[in-house]
Protein backbone atom coordinates (compact mmCIF):
# COMPACT_ATOMS: atom_id res chain seq x y z
CA UNK A 1 0.00 0.00 0.00
CA UNK A 2 1.07 3.59 -0.61
CA UNK A 3 2.49 5.36 2.43
CA UNK A 4 3.76 8.80 3.41
CA UNK A 5 2.71 12.13 1.97
CA UNK A 6 1.21 10.48 -1.13
CA UNK A 7 -1.69 9.38 1.11
CA UNK A 8 -2.57 13.02 1.73
CA UNK A 9 -2.31 13.78 -2.01
CA UNK A 10 -4.60 10.86 -2.84
CA UNK A 11 -7.11 11.97 -0.21
CA UNK A 12 -7.25 15.48 -1.68
CA UNK A 13 -7.57 14.10 -5.23
CA UNK A 14 -10.35 11.75 -4.10
CA UNK A 15 -12.31 14.67 -2.66
CA UNK A 16 -11.75 16.68 -5.83
CA UNK A 17 -13.00 13.79 -7.97
CA UNK A 18 -16.04 13.39 -5.71
CA UNK A 19 -16.95 17.06 -6.02
CA UNK A 20 -16.44 16.89 -9.80
CA UNK A 21 -18.80 13.93 -10.15
CA UNK A 22 -21.53 15.43 -7.97
CA UNK A 23 -21.29 19.10 -8.94
CA UNK A 24 -20.23 19.04 -12.59
CA UNK A 25 -21.40 15.70 -13.94
CA UNK A 26 -24.51 15.65 -11.70
CA UNK A 27 -23.95 12.01 -10.72
CA UNK A 28 -26.15 10.86 -7.84
CA UNK A 29 -24.16 11.31 -4.56
CA UNK A 30 -24.70 7.67 -3.55
CA UNK A 31 -23.14 6.38 -6.78
CA UNK A 32 -20.36 8.98 -6.60
CA UNK A 33 -19.41 8.09 -3.03
CA UNK A 34 -19.42 4.34 -3.62
CA UNK A 35 -17.46 4.71 -6.85
CA UNK A 36 -14.84 6.99 -5.29
CA UNK A 37 -14.56 4.67 -2.28
CA UNK A 38 -13.68 1.72 -4.53
CA UNK A 39 -11.37 3.83 -6.73
CA UNK A 40 -9.50 5.27 -3.73
CA UNK A 41 -9.00 1.81 -2.24
CA UNK A 42 -7.47 0.60 -5.51
CA UNK A 43 -5.24 3.67 -5.96
CA UNK A 44 -3.72 3.42 -2.48
CA UNK A 45 -2.81 -0.20 -3.20
CA UNK A 46 -5.20 -1.93 -0.84
CA UNK A 47 -5.09 -5.72 -1.42
CA UNK A 48 -7.82 -6.65 -3.90
CA UNK A 49 -9.34 -9.20 -1.52
CA UNK A 50 -9.84 -6.42 1.08
CA UNK A 51 -11.31 -3.68 -1.13
CA UNK A 52 -14.90 -4.88 -1.31
CA UNK A 53 -15.03 -5.94 2.35
CA UNK A 54 -13.66 -2.57 3.53
CA UNK A 55 -16.27 -0.65 1.53
CA UNK A 56 -19.16 -2.87 2.56
CA UNK A 57 -18.10 -2.97 6.20
CA UNK A 58 -17.83 0.82 6.24
CA UNK A 59 -21.34 1.04 4.81
CA UNK A 60 -22.65 -1.56 7.24
CA UNK A 61 -21.02 -0.05 10.32
CA UNK A 62 -22.53 3.33 9.49
CA UNK A 63 -25.96 1.77 9.04
CA UNK A 64 -25.58 0.03 12.40
CA UNK A 65 -25.30 3.48 13.95
CA UNK A 66 -27.86 5.48 12.00
CA UNK A 67 -29.85 3.28 9.59
CA UNK A 68 -32.81 2.44 11.84
CA UNK A 69 -32.51 5.85 13.44
CA UNK A 70 -33.00 7.68 10.14
CA UNK A 71 -36.00 5.59 9.16
CA UNK A 72 -37.73 6.05 12.52
CA UNK A 73 -36.73 9.71 12.66
CA UNK A 74 -38.35 10.51 9.32
CA UNK A 75 -41.59 8.75 10.35
CA UNK A 76 -41.55 10.58 13.69
CA UNK A 77 -41.03 13.88 11.87
CA UNK A 78 -43.90 13.14 9.48
CA UNK A 79 -46.31 12.64 12.38
CA UNK A 80 -45.12 15.77 14.20
CA UNK A 81 -45.47 17.80 11.03
CA UNK A 82 -48.91 16.45 10.06
CA UNK A 83 -50.31 17.03 13.57
CA UNK A 84 -49.22 20.68 13.67
CA UNK A 85 -46.80 20.05 16.57
CA UNK A 86 -43.81 21.47 14.70
CA UNK A 87 -45.70 24.70 14.01
CA UNK A 88 -46.58 25.05 17.69
CA UNK A 89 -42.98 24.54 18.80
CA UNK A 90 -41.75 27.04 16.21
CA UNK A 91 -44.23 29.60 17.52
CA UNK A 92 -42.99 29.05 21.07
CA UNK A 93 -39.35 29.55 20.04
CA UNK A 94 -40.33 32.79 18.34
CA UNK A 95 -42.10 34.03 21.47
CA UNK A 96 -39.04 33.47 23.64
CA UNK A 97 -36.29 34.69 21.28
CA UNK A 98 -38.18 36.93 18.86
CA UNK A 99 -38.03 36.81 15.10
CA UNK A 100 -34.56 38.28 14.62
CA UNK A 101 -32.92 36.02 17.22
CA UNK A 102 -34.83 32.83 16.39
CA UNK A 103 -31.74 31.19 14.78
CA UNK A 104 -29.88 31.83 18.06
CA UNK A 105 -32.71 30.11 19.91
CA UNK A 106 -32.48 27.09 17.62
CA UNK A 107 -28.68 27.01 17.91
CA UNK A 108 -28.75 27.05 21.72
CA UNK A 109 -31.55 24.47 21.71
CA UNK A 110 -29.30 22.26 19.61
CA UNK A 111 -26.39 22.78 22.00
CA UNK A 112 -28.51 21.68 24.96
CA UNK A 113 -30.10 18.71 23.18
CA UNK A 114 -26.83 17.28 21.82
CA UNK A 115 -25.33 16.86 25.29
CA UNK A 116 -27.32 13.68 25.97
CA UNK A 117 -28.34 12.87 22.38
CA UNK A 118 -26.04 11.84 19.52
CA UNK A 119 -25.65 14.38 16.71
CA UNK A 120 -27.43 12.32 14.04
CA UNK A 121 -30.42 11.56 16.25
CA UNK A 122 -30.72 15.14 17.46
CA UNK A 123 -30.55 16.63 13.95
CA UNK A 124 -33.20 14.21 12.70
CA UNK A 125 -35.48 14.99 15.65
CA UNK A 126 -35.14 18.78 15.45
CA UNK A 127 -34.84 19.26 11.69
CA UNK A 128 -38.60 19.63 11.35
CA UNK A 129 -38.35 23.01 13.06
CA UNK A 130 -36.17 24.44 10.28
CA UNK A 131 -38.82 24.76 7.58
CA UNK A 132 -41.47 25.92 10.03
CA UNK A 133 -39.29 28.65 11.58
CA UNK A 134 -38.15 29.82 8.16
CA UNK A 135 -41.75 30.16 6.98
CA UNK A 136 -42.80 32.09 10.07
CA UNK A 137 -39.82 34.47 10.14
CA UNK A 138 -38.84 34.87 6.50
CA UNK A 139 -35.26 34.04 7.53
CA UNK A 140 -33.36 31.74 5.17
CA UNK A 141 -33.55 27.99 5.67
CA UNK A 142 -29.76 28.01 5.38
CA UNK A 143 -29.44 30.23 8.47
CA UNK A 144 -31.49 27.76 10.50
CA UNK A 145 -29.68 24.69 9.16
CA UNK A 146 -26.35 26.27 10.08
CA UNK A 147 -27.59 27.32 13.51
CA UNK A 148 -28.98 23.89 14.35
CA UNK A 149 -26.13 21.86 12.88
CA UNK A 150 -23.38 23.92 14.49
CA UNK A 151 -25.19 24.05 17.82
CA UNK A 152 -25.45 20.27 17.83
CA UNK A 153 -21.89 19.51 16.70
CA UNK A 154 -20.33 21.95 19.17
CA UNK A 155 -21.81 20.28 22.23
CA UNK A 156 -21.29 16.84 20.65
CA UNK A 157 -17.56 17.61 20.70
CA UNK A 158 -17.18 19.87 23.74
CA UNK A 159 -19.50 18.69 26.51
CA UNK A 160 -19.38 15.33 28.30
CA UNK A 161 -21.05 12.86 28.78
CA UNK A 162 -21.01 12.73 24.98
CA UNK A 163 -18.54 9.85 24.27
CA UNK A 164 -15.81 11.92 22.55
CA UNK A 165 -15.33 14.54 25.29
CA UNK A 166 -15.75 11.84 27.94
CA UNK A 167 -12.83 9.85 26.51
CA UNK A 168 -10.77 13.05 26.14
CA UNK A 169 -11.32 13.90 29.83
CA UNK A 170 -10.25 10.38 30.77
CA UNK A 171 -7.15 10.34 28.55
CA UNK A 172 -5.96 13.76 29.71
CA UNK A 173 -6.66 13.07 33.37
CA UNK A 174 -8.97 16.10 33.62
CA UNK A 175 -11.43 16.33 36.51
CA UNK A 176 -14.74 15.52 34.82
CA UNK A 177 -16.96 18.02 36.65
CA UNK A 178 -14.70 20.96 35.83
CA UNK A 179 -14.18 19.65 32.31
CA UNK A 180 -17.95 19.72 31.73
CA UNK A 181 -18.20 23.23 33.25
CA UNK A 182 -15.44 24.70 31.09
CA UNK A 183 -16.74 22.75 28.09
CA UNK A 184 -20.08 24.54 28.41
CA UNK A 185 -18.24 27.85 28.81
CA UNK A 186 -16.36 27.26 25.55
CA UNK A 187 -19.38 25.83 23.70
CA UNK A 188 -21.66 28.86 24.09
CA UNK A 189 -19.56 31.46 22.19
CA UNK A 190 -18.59 28.82 19.60
CA UNK A 191 -22.27 28.08 18.96
CA UNK A 192 -23.28 31.73 18.76
CA UNK A 193 -20.41 32.75 16.46
CA UNK A 194 -20.34 29.73 14.16
CA UNK A 195 -24.05 28.88 14.26
CA UNK A 196 -25.98 32.10 14.81
CA UNK A 197 -23.75 34.96 13.58
CA UNK A 198 -22.16 33.12 10.65
CA UNK A 199 -25.46 31.36 9.89
CA UNK A 200 -27.23 34.71 9.66
CA UNK A 201 -24.42 36.05 7.45
CA UNK A 202 -24.37 33.14 4.99
CA UNK A 203 -28.15 32.84 4.92
CA UNK A 204 -28.46 36.37 3.52
CA UNK A 205 -25.92 35.69 0.79
CA UNK A 206 -27.01 32.28 -0.45
CA UNK A 207 -30.42 31.29 -1.81
CA UNK A 208 -31.87 27.99 -0.68
CA UNK A 209 -32.30 26.06 -3.92
CA UNK A 210 -35.20 23.89 -2.84
CA UNK A 211 -33.90 21.34 -5.34
CA UNK A 212 -34.01 18.45 -2.89
CA UNK A 213 -37.39 16.90 -2.22
CA UNK A 214 -39.03 18.00 1.00
CA UNK A 215 -39.05 15.43 3.76
CA UNK A 216 -41.69 17.18 5.81
CA UNK A 217 -45.34 16.80 4.90
CA UNK A 218 -45.92 19.17 1.98
CA UNK A 219 -49.65 18.73 1.40
CA UNK A 220 -52.40 21.16 2.30
CA UNK A 221 -54.20 18.76 4.65
CA UNK A 222 -54.80 20.74 7.82
CA UNK A 223 -54.81 19.00 11.22
CA UNK A 224 -58.25 17.85 12.39
CA UNK A 225 -57.95 20.11 15.44
CA UNK A 226 -55.31 22.37 16.96
CA UNK A 227 -52.69 20.62 19.07
CA UNK A 228 -51.58 22.17 22.36
CA UNK A 229 -48.13 23.66 22.90
CA UNK A 230 -47.52 21.42 25.92
CA UNK A 231 -48.30 18.23 24.01
CA UNK A 232 -46.15 19.42 21.10
CA UNK A 233 -43.12 19.91 23.35
CA UNK A 234 -43.83 16.61 25.10
CA UNK A 235 -43.73 14.73 21.81
CA UNK A 236 -40.55 16.47 20.61
CA UNK A 237 -38.78 15.94 23.93
CA UNK A 238 -39.92 12.32 24.46
CA UNK A 239 -37.03 10.64 22.56
CA UNK A 240 -34.59 13.13 24.06
CA UNK A 241 -35.78 12.43 27.61
CA UNK A 242 -35.67 8.66 27.02
CA UNK A 243 -32.11 8.84 25.69
CA UNK A 244 -31.11 11.12 28.57
CA UNK A 245 -32.56 8.61 31.08
CA UNK A 246 -30.00 6.10 29.83
CA UNK A 247 -27.12 8.50 30.50
CA UNK A 248 -28.37 9.63 33.91
CA UNK A 249 -29.15 6.11 35.17
CA UNK A 250 -25.65 4.92 34.29
CA UNK A 251 -24.15 7.80 36.27
CA UNK A 252 -26.45 7.53 39.31
CA UNK A 253 -27.23 3.79 39.44
CA UNK A 254 -24.39 1.96 37.68
CA UNK A 255 -24.63 -1.83 37.30
CA UNK A 256 -28.18 -2.06 38.64
CA UNK A 257 -31.43 -3.44 37.23
CA UNK A 258 -32.72 0.11 36.97
CA UNK A 259 -29.79 1.21 34.82
CA UNK A 260 -30.26 -1.88 32.62
CA UNK A 261 -33.94 -1.05 32.07
CA UNK A 262 -33.23 2.60 31.27
CA UNK A 263 -30.25 1.49 29.20
CA UNK A 264 -32.65 -0.46 26.99
CA UNK A 265 -35.43 2.10 26.63
CA UNK A 266 -32.86 4.90 26.37
CA UNK A 267 -30.88 3.31 23.54
CA UNK A 268 -31.34 5.77 20.67
CA UNK A 269 -33.08 3.37 18.29
CA UNK A 270 -35.40 1.98 20.97
CA UNK A 271 -36.12 5.48 22.30
CA UNK A 272 -37.14 6.68 18.85
CA UNK A 273 -39.23 3.54 18.21
CA UNK A 274 -41.11 4.14 21.48
CA UNK A 275 -41.60 7.76 20.45
CA UNK A 276 -42.99 6.75 17.05
CA UNK A 277 -45.45 4.35 18.69
CA UNK A 278 -46.56 7.06 21.14
CA UNK A 279 -46.93 9.52 18.26
CA UNK A 280 -49.07 7.05 16.30
CA UNK A 281 -51.38 6.60 19.30
CA UNK A 282 -51.53 10.15 20.70
CA UNK A 283 -51.40 12.27 17.55
CA UNK A 284 -54.07 10.46 15.54
CA UNK A 285 -56.89 12.84 16.66
CA UNK A 286 -54.92 15.77 15.21
CA UNK A 287 -53.99 14.24 11.83
CA UNK A 288 -56.27 14.27 8.81
CA UNK A 289 -53.79 12.66 6.39
CA UNK A 290 -54.16 8.87 6.03
CA UNK A 291 -51.45 7.07 7.99
CA UNK A 292 -50.62 4.87 5.02
CA UNK A 293 -49.68 7.97 3.06
CA UNK A 294 -47.52 9.30 5.90
CA UNK A 295 -45.66 5.99 6.09
CA UNK A 296 -45.18 5.87 2.33
CA UNK A 297 -43.82 9.41 2.11
CA UNK A 298 -41.50 8.83 5.07
CA UNK A 299 -40.08 5.57 3.73
CA UNK A 300 -39.53 7.07 0.27
CA UNK A 301 -37.67 10.01 1.81
CA UNK A 302 -35.63 7.86 4.21
CA UNK A 303 -34.40 5.48 1.51
CA UNK A 304 -32.08 7.84 -0.34
CA UNK A 305 -30.88 9.42 2.91
CA UNK A 306 -29.90 6.00 4.26
CA UNK A 307 -28.06 5.07 1.05
CA UNK A 308 -26.09 8.31 0.88
CA UNK A 309 -25.22 8.29 4.59
CA UNK A 310 -24.00 4.70 4.37
CA UNK A 311 -21.94 5.49 1.28
CA UNK A 312 -20.29 8.36 3.17
CA UNK A 313 -19.35 5.87 5.87
CA UNK A 314 -17.90 3.53 3.24
CA UNK A 315 -15.69 6.29 1.83
CA UNK A 316 -14.58 7.19 5.35
CA UNK A 317 -13.69 3.56 6.09
CA UNK A 318 -11.39 3.39 3.06
CA UNK A 319 -9.61 6.60 4.09
CA UNK A 320 -9.26 5.28 7.65
CA UNK A 321 -7.88 1.94 6.45
CA UNK A 322 -5.31 3.72 4.27
CA UNK A 323 -3.23 4.68 7.32
CA UNK A 324 -3.45 8.43 6.75
CA UNK A 325 -4.14 8.92 10.46
CA UNK A 326 -0.91 7.18 11.51
CA UNK A 327 1.06 9.20 8.98
CA UNK A 328 -0.37 12.47 10.26
CA UNK A 329 0.46 11.49 13.83
CA UNK A 330 4.09 10.81 12.95
CA UNK A 331 4.37 14.03 10.94
CA UNK A 332 2.77 16.40 13.43
CA UNK A 333 4.64 15.17 16.47
CA UNK A 334 7.73 16.86 15.04
CA UNK A 335 6.10 20.29 14.69
CA UNK A 336 7.46 22.99 17.02
CA UNK A 337 4.30 24.92 17.89
CA UNK A 338 2.48 25.66 21.18
CA UNK A 339 0.92 22.49 22.55
CA UNK A 340 -2.67 23.82 22.66
CA UNK A 341 -2.51 24.82 19.00
CA UNK A 342 -0.83 21.52 18.14
CA UNK A 343 -3.66 19.65 19.86
CA UNK A 344 -6.26 21.68 17.96
CA UNK A 345 -4.58 21.30 14.56
CA UNK A 346 -3.91 17.60 15.07
CA UNK A 347 -7.51 16.91 16.02
CA UNK A 348 -8.83 19.13 13.19
CA UNK A 349 -6.79 17.40 10.49
CA UNK A 350 -7.76 13.95 11.71
CA UNK A 351 -11.40 15.01 11.84
CA UNK A 352 -11.25 16.19 8.22
CA UNK A 353 -9.28 13.25 6.89
CA UNK A 354 -11.01 10.42 8.75
CA UNK A 355 -14.53 11.84 8.70
CA UNK A 356 -15.24 11.13 12.37
CA UNK A 357 -15.11 13.68 15.16
CA UNK A 358 -15.12 10.98 17.84
CA UNK A 359 -12.21 9.09 16.24
CA UNK A 360 -10.27 12.35 15.96
CA UNK A 361 -10.84 13.16 19.65
CA UNK A 362 -10.00 9.66 20.85
CA UNK A 363 -6.86 9.39 18.68
CA UNK A 364 -5.49 12.83 19.56
CA UNK A 365 -6.19 12.54 23.28
CA UNK A 366 -4.65 9.06 23.48
CA UNK A 367 -1.38 10.47 22.11
CA UNK A 368 -1.18 13.91 23.74
CA UNK A 369 -3.27 13.27 26.85
CA UNK A 370 -0.68 11.35 28.90
CA UNK A 371 1.87 14.08 28.09
CA UNK A 372 -0.16 16.93 29.64
CA UNK A 373 1.90 17.37 32.79
CA UNK A 374 5.23 16.83 31.01
CA UNK A 375 4.22 19.55 28.55
CA UNK A 376 3.36 21.90 31.41
CA UNK A 377 -0.23 22.48 30.33
CA UNK A 378 -3.50 22.07 32.21
CA UNK A 379 -5.19 18.73 31.37
CA UNK A 380 -8.50 20.59 31.09
CA UNK A 381 -7.13 23.14 28.62
CA UNK A 382 -5.40 20.43 26.59
CA UNK A 383 -8.59 18.39 26.48
CA UNK A 384 -10.71 21.38 25.44
CA UNK A 385 -8.23 22.25 22.66
CA UNK A 386 -8.52 18.68 21.35
CA UNK A 387 -12.31 18.87 21.51
CA UNK A 388 -12.31 22.21 19.66
CA UNK A 389 -10.39 20.61 16.81
CA UNK A 390 -13.08 18.00 16.28
CA UNK A 391 -15.85 20.51 15.58
CA UNK A 392 -15.26 21.79 12.06
CA UNK A 393 -14.34 20.66 8.55
CA UNK A 394 -16.99 17.99 8.12
CA UNK A 395 -16.43 16.73 4.57
CA UNK A 396 -18.22 14.18 2.33
CA UNK A 397 -16.31 11.32 4.02
CA UNK A 398 -18.35 12.14 7.16
CA UNK A 399 -21.80 10.54 7.31
CA UNK A 400 -22.98 13.58 9.28
CA UNK A 401 -22.28 15.74 6.22
CA UNK A 402 -24.95 13.84 4.31
CA UNK A 403 -27.43 13.88 7.19
CA UNK A 404 -27.23 17.70 7.22
CA UNK A 405 -27.27 17.82 3.42
CA UNK A 406 -30.43 15.74 3.04
CA UNK A 407 -32.42 16.74 6.10
CA UNK A 408 -31.45 20.38 5.55
CA UNK A 409 -32.46 20.05 1.89
CA UNK A 410 -29.22 21.68 0.70
CA UNK A 411 -27.04 21.22 -2.33
CA UNK A 412 -23.48 19.98 -1.81
CA UNK A 413 -22.06 23.49 -2.32
CA UNK A 414 -24.56 24.94 0.17
CA UNK A 415 -23.65 22.22 2.68
CA UNK A 416 -19.95 23.05 2.36
CA UNK A 417 -20.53 26.79 2.77
CA UNK A 418 -23.06 26.55 5.59
CA UNK A 419 -22.26 23.40 7.56
CA UNK A 420 -18.56 22.72 6.85
CA UNK A 421 -17.41 26.34 7.05
CA UNK A 422 -19.80 27.20 9.90
CA UNK A 423 -18.40 24.35 11.95
CA UNK A 424 -14.85 25.44 11.15
CA UNK A 425 -15.60 28.98 12.38
CA UNK A 426 -17.15 27.53 15.53
CA UNK A 427 -14.01 25.46 16.08
CA UNK A 428 -11.77 28.51 15.66
CA UNK A 429 -13.97 30.38 18.15
CA UNK A 430 -13.68 27.47 20.58
CA UNK A 431 -9.87 27.31 20.43
CA UNK A 432 -9.70 31.09 20.78
CA UNK A 433 -11.80 30.84 23.95
CA UNK A 434 -9.51 28.08 25.22
CA UNK A 435 -6.44 30.26 24.60
CA UNK A 436 -8.12 33.12 26.47
CA UNK A 437 -8.82 30.78 29.39
CA UNK A 438 -5.16 29.75 29.36
CA UNK A 439 -4.24 33.35 30.21
CA UNK A 440 -5.94 32.77 33.56
CA UNK A 441 -4.19 29.45 34.21
CA UNK A 442 -3.46 29.21 37.91
CA UNK A 443 -6.22 31.69 38.74
CA UNK A 444 -9.33 29.86 37.64
CA UNK A 445 -10.10 26.53 39.39
CA UNK A 446 -8.52 23.53 37.69
CA UNK A 447 -6.61 25.50 35.05
């Protein structure tokens, strides 16, 4: 297999070829991703008997994480939309934050929700608010997609007990309580700058194409009767609360029957299945559209999303198997730059090249974490710098890129400008905040 700097060259060429196929030749993203995954595996010299298995395993592993989730999430969203619940929630957000600041409200909502809930699940659950808020406010869909996506990914990377930050805290030896506190402190400005301010900026300068088929119910069928605000929020929060119960029970009642029970009902797929069943039962009086039609529309919409997301995972698996991560580790360890910036850059490059924020955080913290005291830096600051690096530069080798692309109803170019660049700006804001905190090292608790 090819090694060294040629791996980086091949990765860049693979991305360029992918963009050319999708943007210029208008090839379906699923076919483009699968084709580029196979081509990249062959070019890097992967043994022929491993090429197909690597691609299919990458697809399958991604589907294990999000396949059922996407299908259930689309059905759940269809029921919320048809019952009028999404409209009610959008109205409530507007009341609290006002029209002009509604993207900020959605961004901060995303930041809070993504602490207990995985990014993919949270985006699927909350994406129904995007179209509704945009209609009510006249603010671009792109502004809301950016606000929600960035808000979710920031807390996914910065605030434990999300797995990535949790592992980073463990590997750096940071005190978990303080790590969570400072993580929240760093996450808020990152969310507001990358999600709200940048989202508002890019939304005014880029027209939402509307080229991708709407996932939400797009018919004129009005609900049978008006749903209450309380019930609307209950339905939206049900899967979130169930998933959170899993996290809380493990912390408060580890290795008990209670934690096992909540661990089952709080598993993201089970939690969303329960929520769909509850929606079917409770929301029927508010829905005038035949359920068979709702199911049909949801399944049709979910199919292409699942295929594209899985193909993104397949491409990412090939890049991961190529050894580019190991090469970057060896290269960057020789760089003479401040350790906090090194941690950020290292994590950022791995996040972009491997397509997984969690893998980037785990890999970087496992290398630099044990060296915190020898390097003379606070474990908390080092951990936060690593977490900041995992936020931005989501590329087509990241399955999350395609979740945002399809559920946000964006083109690839719009996804790059809104989601990829917005996340990068949020990451830069996060590392800047970490560097500011480092000025108070020895003054603030734990730093």
